[in-house]
N, C-alpha and C. Protein backbone atom coordinates (compact mmCIF):
# COMPACT_ATOMS: atom_id res chain seq x y z
N MET A 1 -11.87 -35.30 10.52
CA MET A 1 -11.50 -34.81 9.21
C MET A 1 -12.08 -33.40 9.02
N THR A 2 -11.29 -32.52 8.49
CA THR A 2 -11.74 -31.17 8.18
C THR A 2 -12.28 -31.14 6.76
N ALA A 3 -13.40 -30.46 6.58
CA ALA A 3 -14.02 -30.36 5.25
C ALA A 3 -13.18 -29.47 4.34
N PHE A 4 -13.20 -29.76 3.05
CA PHE A 4 -12.57 -28.88 2.09
C PHE A 4 -13.65 -28.09 1.36
N HIS A 5 -13.23 -27.05 0.65
CA HIS A 5 -14.13 -26.23 -0.16
C HIS A 5 -13.61 -26.21 -1.59
N LEU A 6 -14.54 -26.33 -2.54
CA LEU A 6 -14.19 -26.26 -3.95
C LEU A 6 -15.23 -25.40 -4.65
N ALA A 7 -14.80 -24.43 -5.43
CA ALA A 7 -15.69 -23.63 -6.28
C ALA A 7 -15.44 -24.03 -7.72
N PHE A 8 -16.52 -24.16 -8.51
CA PHE A 8 -16.37 -24.61 -9.89
C PHE A 8 -17.44 -23.94 -10.76
N PRO A 9 -17.16 -23.80 -12.07
CA PRO A 9 -18.09 -23.11 -12.97
C PRO A 9 -19.18 -24.04 -13.48
N VAL A 10 -20.38 -23.48 -13.62
CA VAL A 10 -21.49 -24.20 -14.24
C VAL A 10 -22.22 -23.24 -15.17
N ARG A 11 -22.95 -23.80 -16.10
CA ARG A 11 -23.68 -22.97 -17.07
C ARG A 11 -25.09 -22.66 -16.64
N ASP A 12 -25.68 -23.55 -15.79
CA ASP A 12 -27.08 -23.40 -15.41
C ASP A 12 -27.27 -23.91 -13.98
N LEU A 13 -27.88 -23.10 -13.14
CA LEU A 13 -28.04 -23.49 -11.74
C LEU A 13 -29.15 -24.54 -11.55
N ASP A 14 -30.21 -24.48 -12.35
CA ASP A 14 -31.31 -25.44 -12.17
C ASP A 14 -30.87 -26.87 -12.48
N SER A 15 -30.20 -27.08 -13.62
CA SER A 15 -29.76 -28.43 -13.96
C SER A 15 -28.66 -28.89 -13.00
N THR A 16 -27.86 -27.94 -12.53
CA THR A 16 -26.81 -28.28 -11.57
C THR A 16 -27.43 -28.73 -10.26
N ARG A 17 -28.42 -27.98 -9.77
CA ARG A 17 -29.12 -28.37 -8.53
C ARG A 17 -29.74 -29.77 -8.68
N GLN A 18 -30.39 -30.01 -9.79
CA GLN A 18 -31.02 -31.31 -10.02
C GLN A 18 -29.99 -32.43 -9.99
N PHE A 19 -28.87 -32.24 -10.66
CA PHE A 19 -27.82 -33.26 -10.72
C PHE A 19 -27.27 -33.55 -9.33
N TYR A 20 -26.85 -32.51 -8.61
CA TYR A 20 -26.18 -32.72 -7.32
C TYR A 20 -27.15 -33.13 -6.22
N VAL A 21 -28.37 -32.64 -6.26
CA VAL A 21 -29.35 -32.97 -5.21
C VAL A 21 -30.09 -34.26 -5.56
N ASP A 22 -30.78 -34.28 -6.70
CA ASP A 22 -31.64 -35.42 -7.03
C ASP A 22 -30.86 -36.67 -7.39
N LEU A 23 -29.76 -36.53 -8.09
CA LEU A 23 -28.99 -37.70 -8.52
C LEU A 23 -27.97 -38.13 -7.47
N LEU A 24 -27.16 -37.19 -6.99
CA LEU A 24 -26.08 -37.55 -6.06
C LEU A 24 -26.50 -37.52 -4.60
N GLY A 25 -27.62 -36.89 -4.28
CA GLY A 25 -28.10 -36.86 -2.91
C GLY A 25 -27.49 -35.78 -2.04
N CYS A 26 -26.88 -34.77 -2.64
CA CYS A 26 -26.30 -33.67 -1.87
C CYS A 26 -27.41 -32.78 -1.31
N LYS A 27 -27.11 -32.14 -0.21
CA LYS A 27 -28.03 -31.16 0.36
C LYS A 27 -27.58 -29.77 -0.08
N VAL A 28 -28.55 -28.86 -0.22
CA VAL A 28 -28.24 -27.49 -0.58
C VAL A 28 -27.91 -26.72 0.68
N GLY A 29 -26.86 -25.91 0.60
CA GLY A 29 -26.49 -25.01 1.69
C GLY A 29 -27.00 -23.61 1.36
N ARG A 30 -26.12 -22.64 1.42
CA ARG A 30 -26.51 -21.27 1.10
C ARG A 30 -26.66 -21.12 -0.42
N VAL A 31 -27.51 -20.17 -0.81
CA VAL A 31 -27.80 -19.94 -2.22
C VAL A 31 -27.75 -18.45 -2.50
N GLY A 32 -27.13 -18.08 -3.60
CA GLY A 32 -27.13 -16.70 -4.07
C GLY A 32 -27.75 -16.64 -5.45
N ASP A 33 -27.78 -15.47 -6.04
CA ASP A 33 -28.34 -15.33 -7.38
C ASP A 33 -27.56 -16.08 -8.44
N LYS A 34 -26.24 -16.22 -8.22
CA LYS A 34 -25.38 -16.83 -9.24
C LYS A 34 -24.59 -18.01 -8.72
N TRP A 35 -24.94 -18.55 -7.55
CA TRP A 35 -24.18 -19.66 -6.99
C TRP A 35 -25.06 -20.48 -6.04
N ILE A 36 -24.63 -21.72 -5.82
CA ILE A 36 -25.27 -22.64 -4.87
C ILE A 36 -24.18 -23.40 -4.13
N ASP A 37 -24.28 -23.46 -2.81
CA ASP A 37 -23.41 -24.33 -2.01
C ASP A 37 -24.09 -25.68 -1.86
N PHE A 38 -23.30 -26.74 -1.96
CA PHE A 38 -23.79 -28.10 -1.73
C PHE A 38 -22.97 -28.77 -0.65
N ASP A 39 -23.64 -29.60 0.14
CA ASP A 39 -22.96 -30.51 1.07
C ASP A 39 -22.62 -31.73 0.24
N PHE A 40 -21.38 -31.82 -0.19
CA PHE A 40 -20.90 -32.88 -1.08
C PHE A 40 -20.17 -33.91 -0.23
N PHE A 41 -20.93 -34.84 0.32
CA PHE A 41 -20.37 -35.92 1.13
C PHE A 41 -19.54 -35.36 2.28
N GLY A 42 -20.08 -34.31 2.93
CA GLY A 42 -19.41 -33.71 4.08
C GLY A 42 -18.47 -32.57 3.75
N HIS A 43 -18.38 -32.20 2.49
CA HIS A 43 -17.51 -31.11 2.06
C HIS A 43 -18.36 -30.04 1.38
N GLN A 44 -17.86 -28.83 1.34
CA GLN A 44 -18.61 -27.73 0.73
C GLN A 44 -18.09 -27.48 -0.68
N ILE A 45 -19.00 -27.63 -1.64
CA ILE A 45 -18.67 -27.25 -3.01
C ILE A 45 -19.64 -26.16 -3.43
N THR A 46 -19.15 -25.23 -4.22
CA THR A 46 -19.97 -24.11 -4.65
C THR A 46 -19.98 -24.05 -6.18
N ALA A 47 -21.17 -24.17 -6.74
CA ALA A 47 -21.36 -24.07 -8.18
C ALA A 47 -21.62 -22.60 -8.50
N HIS A 48 -20.75 -22.00 -9.31
CA HIS A 48 -20.90 -20.60 -9.71
C HIS A 48 -21.36 -20.56 -11.16
N ARG A 49 -22.50 -19.92 -11.41
CA ARG A 49 -22.99 -19.78 -12.78
C ARG A 49 -22.11 -18.75 -13.50
N VAL A 50 -21.60 -19.15 -14.65
CA VAL A 50 -20.80 -18.27 -15.49
C VAL A 50 -21.41 -18.26 -16.89
N ALA A 51 -21.14 -17.23 -17.64
CA ALA A 51 -21.64 -17.15 -19.01
C ALA A 51 -21.04 -18.29 -19.82
N ASP A 52 -21.81 -18.84 -20.75
CA ASP A 52 -21.32 -19.93 -21.60
C ASP A 52 -19.98 -19.63 -22.23
N SER A 53 -19.79 -18.39 -22.65
CA SER A 53 -18.55 -18.04 -23.33
C SER A 53 -17.34 -18.08 -22.40
N THR A 54 -17.57 -17.99 -21.07
CA THR A 54 -16.45 -18.01 -20.14
C THR A 54 -16.37 -19.31 -19.36
N ALA A 55 -17.31 -20.22 -19.59
CA ALA A 55 -17.28 -21.50 -18.87
C ALA A 55 -16.06 -22.31 -19.30
N SER A 56 -15.57 -23.10 -18.40
CA SER A 56 -14.41 -23.92 -18.73
C SER A 56 -14.79 -24.94 -19.79
N THR A 57 -13.85 -25.25 -20.65
CA THR A 57 -14.07 -26.30 -21.64
C THR A 57 -14.02 -27.63 -20.92
N PRO A 58 -15.02 -28.49 -21.12
CA PRO A 58 -14.96 -29.80 -20.46
C PRO A 58 -13.65 -30.50 -20.78
N PRO A 59 -12.99 -31.07 -19.76
CA PRO A 59 -11.67 -31.65 -19.97
C PRO A 59 -11.61 -32.67 -21.10
N LYS A 60 -12.59 -33.52 -21.24
CA LYS A 60 -12.52 -34.55 -22.28
C LYS A 60 -12.49 -33.88 -23.67
N ALA A 61 -13.30 -32.82 -23.82
CA ALA A 61 -13.32 -32.12 -25.10
C ALA A 61 -12.00 -31.40 -25.37
N SER A 62 -11.34 -30.98 -24.32
CA SER A 62 -10.09 -30.26 -24.49
C SER A 62 -8.90 -31.20 -24.67
N GLY A 63 -9.14 -32.49 -24.46
CA GLY A 63 -8.07 -33.46 -24.62
C GLY A 63 -7.19 -33.62 -23.39
N LEU A 64 -7.54 -32.97 -22.28
CA LEU A 64 -6.74 -33.10 -21.08
C LEU A 64 -7.08 -34.41 -20.38
N SER A 65 -6.08 -35.25 -20.24
CA SER A 65 -6.29 -36.53 -19.57
C SER A 65 -4.94 -37.04 -19.06
N SER A 66 -5.02 -38.04 -18.22
CA SER A 66 -3.83 -38.67 -17.68
C SER A 66 -4.08 -40.17 -17.60
N GLU A 67 -3.06 -40.96 -17.88
CA GLU A 67 -3.23 -42.40 -17.81
C GLU A 67 -3.02 -42.88 -16.38
N VAL A 68 -4.01 -43.64 -15.91
CA VAL A 68 -3.94 -44.24 -14.58
C VAL A 68 -4.35 -45.70 -14.72
N ASP A 69 -3.47 -46.60 -14.37
CA ASP A 69 -3.73 -48.03 -14.43
C ASP A 69 -4.28 -48.44 -15.80
N GLY A 70 -3.70 -47.88 -16.85
CA GLY A 70 -4.06 -48.25 -18.21
C GLY A 70 -5.31 -47.58 -18.75
N LYS A 71 -5.91 -46.64 -18.02
CA LYS A 71 -7.11 -45.93 -18.48
C LYS A 71 -6.81 -44.44 -18.56
N SER A 72 -7.40 -43.79 -19.53
CA SER A 72 -7.26 -42.36 -19.70
C SER A 72 -8.34 -41.67 -18.87
N VAL A 73 -7.92 -40.94 -17.82
CA VAL A 73 -8.88 -40.27 -16.95
C VAL A 73 -8.89 -38.77 -17.23
N PRO A 74 -10.06 -38.15 -17.20
CA PRO A 74 -10.14 -36.72 -17.47
C PRO A 74 -9.52 -35.89 -16.35
N VAL A 75 -8.81 -34.85 -16.76
CA VAL A 75 -8.17 -33.93 -15.82
C VAL A 75 -8.53 -32.52 -16.28
N PRO A 76 -9.02 -31.66 -15.40
CA PRO A 76 -9.20 -31.86 -13.97
C PRO A 76 -10.49 -32.64 -13.68
N HIS A 77 -10.56 -33.11 -12.45
CA HIS A 77 -11.78 -33.72 -11.92
C HIS A 77 -11.76 -33.60 -10.41
N PHE A 78 -12.92 -33.80 -9.81
CA PHE A 78 -13.01 -33.85 -8.35
C PHE A 78 -14.01 -34.93 -8.00
N GLY A 79 -14.11 -35.27 -6.74
CA GLY A 79 -15.05 -36.31 -6.36
C GLY A 79 -15.00 -36.61 -4.89
N ALA A 80 -15.41 -37.83 -4.57
CA ALA A 80 -15.47 -38.24 -3.17
C ALA A 80 -15.00 -39.68 -3.05
N VAL A 81 -14.42 -39.97 -1.89
CA VAL A 81 -14.06 -41.34 -1.54
C VAL A 81 -15.17 -41.85 -0.62
N LEU A 82 -15.82 -42.90 -1.06
CA LEU A 82 -16.96 -43.46 -0.33
C LEU A 82 -16.58 -44.80 0.29
N ASP A 83 -17.38 -45.26 1.26
CA ASP A 83 -17.14 -46.61 1.74
C ASP A 83 -17.66 -47.59 0.68
N TRP A 84 -17.22 -48.84 0.78
CA TRP A 84 -17.46 -49.84 -0.27
C TRP A 84 -18.95 -49.99 -0.60
N GLN A 85 -19.78 -50.08 0.43
CA GLN A 85 -21.22 -50.27 0.22
C GLN A 85 -21.85 -49.02 -0.40
N ALA A 86 -21.49 -47.84 0.08
CA ALA A 86 -22.04 -46.59 -0.46
C ALA A 86 -21.65 -46.42 -1.93
N TRP A 87 -20.42 -46.81 -2.30
CA TRP A 87 -19.99 -46.71 -3.69
C TRP A 87 -20.87 -47.59 -4.58
N HIS A 88 -21.11 -48.82 -4.16
CA HIS A 88 -21.95 -49.73 -4.95
C HIS A 88 -23.40 -49.24 -5.03
N GLN A 89 -23.89 -48.65 -3.96
CA GLN A 89 -25.24 -48.08 -3.99
C GLN A 89 -25.31 -46.91 -4.98
N LEU A 90 -24.25 -46.10 -5.01
CA LEU A 90 -24.21 -45.00 -5.97
C LEU A 90 -24.20 -45.54 -7.40
N VAL A 91 -23.41 -46.56 -7.65
CA VAL A 91 -23.38 -47.17 -8.99
C VAL A 91 -24.79 -47.62 -9.39
N ASP A 92 -25.49 -48.30 -8.48
CA ASP A 92 -26.85 -48.76 -8.78
C ASP A 92 -27.77 -47.58 -9.08
N ARG A 93 -27.67 -46.50 -8.29
CA ARG A 93 -28.51 -45.32 -8.48
C ARG A 93 -28.20 -44.65 -9.82
N LEU A 94 -26.92 -44.53 -10.17
CA LEU A 94 -26.55 -43.92 -11.44
C LEU A 94 -27.04 -44.76 -12.63
N ARG A 95 -26.88 -46.06 -12.52
CA ARG A 95 -27.36 -46.94 -13.61
C ARG A 95 -28.87 -46.86 -13.76
N ALA A 96 -29.58 -46.87 -12.63
CA ALA A 96 -31.05 -46.80 -12.67
C ALA A 96 -31.52 -45.48 -13.29
N ALA A 97 -30.74 -44.42 -13.11
CA ALA A 97 -31.08 -43.11 -13.67
C ALA A 97 -30.64 -42.98 -15.13
N GLY A 98 -29.94 -43.98 -15.64
CA GLY A 98 -29.49 -43.94 -17.03
C GLY A 98 -28.34 -42.98 -17.28
N VAL A 99 -27.54 -42.72 -16.26
CA VAL A 99 -26.40 -41.82 -16.40
C VAL A 99 -25.35 -42.44 -17.32
N ALA A 100 -24.82 -41.63 -18.22
CA ALA A 100 -23.73 -42.08 -19.08
C ALA A 100 -22.42 -41.92 -18.31
N PHE A 101 -21.68 -42.99 -18.19
CA PHE A 101 -20.40 -42.96 -17.49
C PHE A 101 -19.31 -42.46 -18.44
N VAL A 102 -18.47 -41.58 -17.94
CA VAL A 102 -17.28 -41.17 -18.69
C VAL A 102 -16.30 -42.34 -18.68
N LEU A 103 -16.12 -42.96 -17.51
CA LEU A 103 -15.41 -44.23 -17.36
C LEU A 103 -16.30 -45.14 -16.52
N GLU A 104 -16.62 -46.28 -17.06
CA GLU A 104 -17.50 -47.24 -16.40
C GLU A 104 -16.95 -47.65 -15.03
N PRO A 105 -17.85 -48.00 -14.12
CA PRO A 105 -17.40 -48.53 -12.82
C PRO A 105 -16.46 -49.71 -13.03
N GLN A 106 -15.35 -49.70 -12.29
CA GLN A 106 -14.33 -50.72 -12.47
C GLN A 106 -13.46 -50.82 -11.22
N ILE A 107 -12.66 -51.86 -11.17
CA ILE A 107 -11.67 -52.02 -10.10
C ILE A 107 -10.32 -51.62 -10.67
N ARG A 108 -9.67 -50.71 -9.99
CA ARG A 108 -8.35 -50.21 -10.39
C ARG A 108 -7.31 -50.78 -9.43
N PHE A 109 -6.14 -51.06 -9.93
CA PHE A 109 -5.02 -51.61 -9.16
C PHE A 109 -5.40 -52.93 -8.48
N ALA A 110 -6.11 -53.77 -9.21
CA ALA A 110 -6.58 -55.06 -8.67
C ALA A 110 -5.42 -55.87 -8.11
N GLY A 111 -5.60 -56.35 -6.88
CA GLY A 111 -4.61 -57.18 -6.23
C GLY A 111 -3.38 -56.43 -5.73
N GLN A 112 -3.37 -55.10 -5.86
CA GLN A 112 -2.23 -54.30 -5.44
C GLN A 112 -2.61 -53.42 -4.25
N SER A 113 -1.62 -52.83 -3.64
CA SER A 113 -1.88 -51.82 -2.62
C SER A 113 -2.66 -50.69 -3.26
N GLY A 114 -3.69 -50.22 -2.58
CA GLY A 114 -4.52 -49.15 -3.12
C GLY A 114 -5.62 -49.64 -4.04
N GLU A 115 -5.91 -50.95 -4.05
CA GLU A 115 -7.00 -51.47 -4.88
C GLU A 115 -8.26 -50.68 -4.59
N GLN A 116 -8.94 -50.25 -5.66
CA GLN A 116 -10.10 -49.39 -5.48
C GLN A 116 -11.12 -49.58 -6.58
N ALA A 117 -12.37 -49.34 -6.20
CA ALA A 117 -13.46 -49.25 -7.15
C ALA A 117 -13.54 -47.79 -7.57
N THR A 118 -13.74 -47.53 -8.85
CA THR A 118 -13.78 -46.15 -9.32
C THR A 118 -14.75 -46.01 -10.49
N LEU A 119 -15.24 -44.81 -10.67
CA LEU A 119 -16.08 -44.46 -11.82
C LEU A 119 -15.96 -42.97 -12.06
N PHE A 120 -16.22 -42.55 -13.28
CA PHE A 120 -16.23 -41.13 -13.64
C PHE A 120 -17.54 -40.81 -14.33
N ILE A 121 -18.11 -39.66 -13.96
CA ILE A 121 -19.29 -39.11 -14.63
C ILE A 121 -19.03 -37.63 -14.85
N ALA A 122 -19.91 -36.98 -15.62
CA ALA A 122 -19.81 -35.54 -15.83
C ALA A 122 -21.13 -34.90 -15.43
N ASP A 123 -21.04 -33.71 -14.83
CA ASP A 123 -22.26 -32.97 -14.50
C ASP A 123 -22.78 -32.27 -15.75
N PRO A 124 -23.93 -31.61 -15.68
CA PRO A 124 -24.51 -30.99 -16.89
C PRO A 124 -23.63 -29.93 -17.54
N SER A 125 -22.66 -29.38 -16.81
CA SER A 125 -21.76 -28.38 -17.38
C SER A 125 -20.44 -28.98 -17.87
N GLY A 126 -20.31 -30.30 -17.78
CA GLY A 126 -19.11 -30.96 -18.26
C GLY A 126 -18.00 -31.10 -17.23
N ASN A 127 -18.26 -30.75 -15.97
CA ASN A 127 -17.28 -30.97 -14.91
C ASN A 127 -17.22 -32.46 -14.61
N HIS A 128 -16.02 -33.02 -14.59
CA HIS A 128 -15.87 -34.45 -14.35
C HIS A 128 -15.74 -34.74 -12.87
N LEU A 129 -16.41 -35.80 -12.45
CA LEU A 129 -16.39 -36.24 -11.06
C LEU A 129 -15.95 -37.70 -11.01
N GLU A 130 -15.09 -38.00 -10.05
CA GLU A 130 -14.68 -39.38 -9.79
C GLU A 130 -15.20 -39.77 -8.42
N PHE A 131 -15.78 -40.95 -8.35
CA PHE A 131 -16.17 -41.54 -7.07
C PHE A 131 -15.39 -42.83 -6.94
N LYS A 132 -14.77 -42.99 -5.78
CA LYS A 132 -13.95 -44.17 -5.57
C LYS A 132 -14.19 -44.73 -4.19
N SER A 133 -13.78 -45.97 -4.01
CA SER A 133 -13.82 -46.64 -2.71
C SER A 133 -12.65 -47.59 -2.66
N LEU A 134 -11.88 -47.49 -1.59
CA LEU A 134 -10.73 -48.38 -1.45
C LEU A 134 -11.14 -49.66 -0.75
N LYS A 135 -10.63 -50.77 -1.27
CA LYS A 135 -10.91 -52.06 -0.64
C LYS A 135 -10.41 -52.05 0.80
N ASN A 136 -9.23 -51.45 1.01
CA ASN A 136 -8.68 -51.26 2.35
C ASN A 136 -8.57 -49.75 2.58
N PRO A 137 -9.53 -49.13 3.29
CA PRO A 137 -9.52 -47.67 3.45
C PRO A 137 -8.24 -47.11 4.03
N ALA A 138 -7.49 -47.90 4.78
CA ALA A 138 -6.22 -47.42 5.36
C ALA A 138 -5.20 -47.12 4.28
N GLU A 139 -5.41 -47.61 3.05
CA GLU A 139 -4.45 -47.39 1.97
C GLU A 139 -4.71 -46.08 1.21
N LEU A 140 -5.70 -45.29 1.64
CA LEU A 140 -5.93 -43.99 1.00
C LEU A 140 -4.69 -43.11 1.16
N PHE A 141 -4.16 -43.07 2.38
CA PHE A 141 -2.92 -42.36 2.66
C PHE A 141 -1.98 -43.32 3.39
N PRO A 142 -1.30 -44.18 2.62
CA PRO A 142 -0.43 -45.18 3.28
C PRO A 142 0.71 -44.51 4.01
N PRO A 143 1.16 -45.12 5.10
CA PRO A 143 2.30 -44.55 5.84
C PRO A 143 3.56 -44.61 4.98
N ASP A 144 4.49 -43.72 5.27
CA ASP A 144 5.76 -43.69 4.53
C ASP A 144 6.55 -44.95 4.76
């Protein structure tokens, strides 16, 4: 698998580093005065500090959402697909840290193709993240 890159706005680099490193377990890559690269589950994401007045409005506050399996999910969002055990370990770590879930951990598409465990959280700048795990990983990209 080839890694992807995502750049996203944040308001503060210190709280962002704490969230992605201490809570999610990401490693820090290169660092500049106004940005930090993270190893986000094997992918490169870059948090760019922007002035509060130019930061993106958190999707939930802006009303941007989409219905998926009867739940309103924030759009835009990004995240990672984890294996089943790693997803449950993340849930335990987030709960132990007292993280407020945007959407509580749940099973989506129960009993259907693509059945998955999913949860949504927000980082300190209001960027929404989804973490999911498919019961059958082969159904992430089902054949035509």
